[in-house]
Protein backbone atom coordinates (compact mmCIF):
# COMPACT_ATOMS: atom_id res chain seq x y z
CA MET A 1 78.26 41.89 126.22
CA ASP A 2 81.61 42.20 124.07
CA LYS A 3 84.64 42.96 126.14
CA ARG A 4 86.78 44.04 123.30
CA ARG A 5 88.85 47.52 124.02
CA VAL A 6 88.64 48.50 120.49
CA LEU A 7 86.50 47.84 117.25
CA ARG A 8 87.78 44.45 115.15
CA VAL A 9 86.32 44.38 111.47
CA PRO A 10 86.18 41.36 109.02
CA ALA A 11 89.05 41.08 106.81
CA ASP A 12 90.32 39.27 103.84
CA TRP A 13 93.48 40.12 102.14
CA PRO A 14 96.79 38.40 102.00
CA VAL A 15 99.33 38.63 104.32
CA THR A 16 103.21 37.67 104.13
CA VAL A 17 104.66 36.35 107.23
CA HIS A 18 108.13 36.42 107.60
CA ILE A 19 109.28 33.36 109.40
CA GLY A 20 113.26 33.14 110.05
CA LYS A 21 114.49 33.50 106.32
CA LYS A 22 111.18 31.94 104.68
CA ASN A 23 108.17 33.80 103.67
CA ALA A 24 104.61 32.24 104.24
CA GLN A 25 101.27 33.37 102.67
CA ALA A 26 98.74 33.77 105.41
CA ARG A 27 95.15 35.65 104.92
CA ALA A 28 94.01 38.32 107.30
CA LEU A 29 90.62 37.34 108.95
CA GLN A 30 90.24 40.12 111.17
CA PHE A 31 91.64 43.67 111.69
CA SER A 32 91.73 46.23 114.51
CA GLU A 33 93.81 49.48 115.07
CA PHE A 34 96.35 47.27 117.29
CA GLY A 35 96.27 44.16 115.65
CA ILE A 36 95.29 41.32 113.07
CA MET A 37 94.18 37.80 113.20
CA VAL A 38 95.43 35.69 110.46
CA GLY A 39 95.37 32.38 109.13
CA PRO A 40 95.81 29.61 108.62
CA ALA A 41 96.81 28.82 112.69
CA GLU A 42 99.06 25.99 111.95
CA LEU A 43 101.61 28.69 110.49
CA PHE A 44 102.15 30.05 113.80
CA GLU A 45 102.97 29.76 117.58
CA VAL A 46 101.37 31.50 120.37
CA GLY A 47 103.88 33.95 122.16
CA LYS A 48 106.21 34.02 118.98
CA ARG A 49 107.11 37.24 117.42
CA TYR A 50 106.85 37.79 113.50
CA GLU A 51 107.32 40.24 110.95
CA VAL A 52 103.85 40.77 108.64
CA SER A 53 103.31 42.55 105.52
CA PHE A 54 100.00 43.58 104.27
CA GLN A 55 98.46 46.37 102.11
CA LEU A 56 95.07 47.69 103.36
CA PRO A 57 92.42 47.38 100.72
CA GLY A 58 91.97 50.72 98.65
CA HIS A 59 95.36 51.80 100.02
CA LYS A 60 98.77 52.05 98.54
CA THR A 61 100.81 52.12 101.28
CA PRO A 62 102.08 48.47 102.07
CA TYR A 63 102.84 48.01 105.98
CA HIS A 64 105.62 46.22 107.47
CA LEU A 65 105.15 45.74 111.01
CA ARG A 66 106.58 43.38 113.82
CA GLY A 67 103.70 41.43 116.17
CA ILE A 68 103.48 38.93 118.71
CA THR A 69 100.75 36.29 118.44
CA VAL A 70 98.49 36.54 121.82
CA TYR A 71 95.86 33.98 121.06
CA ALA A 72 94.88 31.14 118.80
CA THR A 73 91.59 29.60 117.70
CA LEU A 74 91.08 27.03 115.01
CA LYS A 75 90.80 29.62 112.17
CA GLY A 76 93.86 31.79 112.93
CA VAL A 77 95.94 33.47 115.37
CA GLY A 78 95.70 37.22 116.94
CA MET A 79 98.42 38.98 116.50
CA ARG A 80 99.22 42.43 118.64
CA PHE A 81 101.32 44.84 116.39
CA GLU A 82 104.31 46.31 118.23
CA ALA A 83 106.03 49.88 118.17
CA MET A 84 103.75 51.16 115.60
CA SER A 85 104.24 55.02 115.18
CA ALA A 86 101.33 57.12 115.85
CA GLU A 87 100.75 57.78 112.36
CA VAL A 88 100.32 54.24 111.52
CA THR A 89 98.15 53.74 114.44
CA ALA A 90 95.89 56.64 113.43
CA GLU A 91 95.77 55.33 109.50
CA PHE A 92 94.67 52.05 111.20
CA ARG A 93 92.07 53.54 113.60
CA ALA A 94 90.51 55.53 110.33
CA PHE A 95 90.31 52.25 108.35
CA VAL A 96 88.49 50.32 110.91
CA ASP A 97 86.32 53.14 111.90
CA GLN A 98 85.20 53.23 108.02
CA GLN A 99 84.65 49.93 107.82
CA GLY A 100 82.79 49.56 110.74
CA ALA A 101 80.51 52.48 110.05
CA ALA A 102 79.98 50.74 106.55
CA MET A 103 78.78 47.55 108.16
CA ALA A 104 76.48 49.47 110.50
CA ARG A 105 74.70 50.63 107.52
């Protein structure tokens, strides 16, 4: 049985990670309304905060968020978004629900 609180959907889009004064290119691997899994894992340290920028497929709005890495796998790290507005959370929830419904068909 899956113990996850929220639905996570597969992802595959570019993510820019701001590491200090440098930018690194990463790839979204999974996405939920509260966080993102990005890879490659070697770019990140668990427990550190990073600024990330990305655009959801089919959306024009670029997102610039702060997140903390909460776990790591061989593929990537899971990052929980911090200080998100209710509006952005709702946009992410709608995106995930739409992707989840498409996967269920």
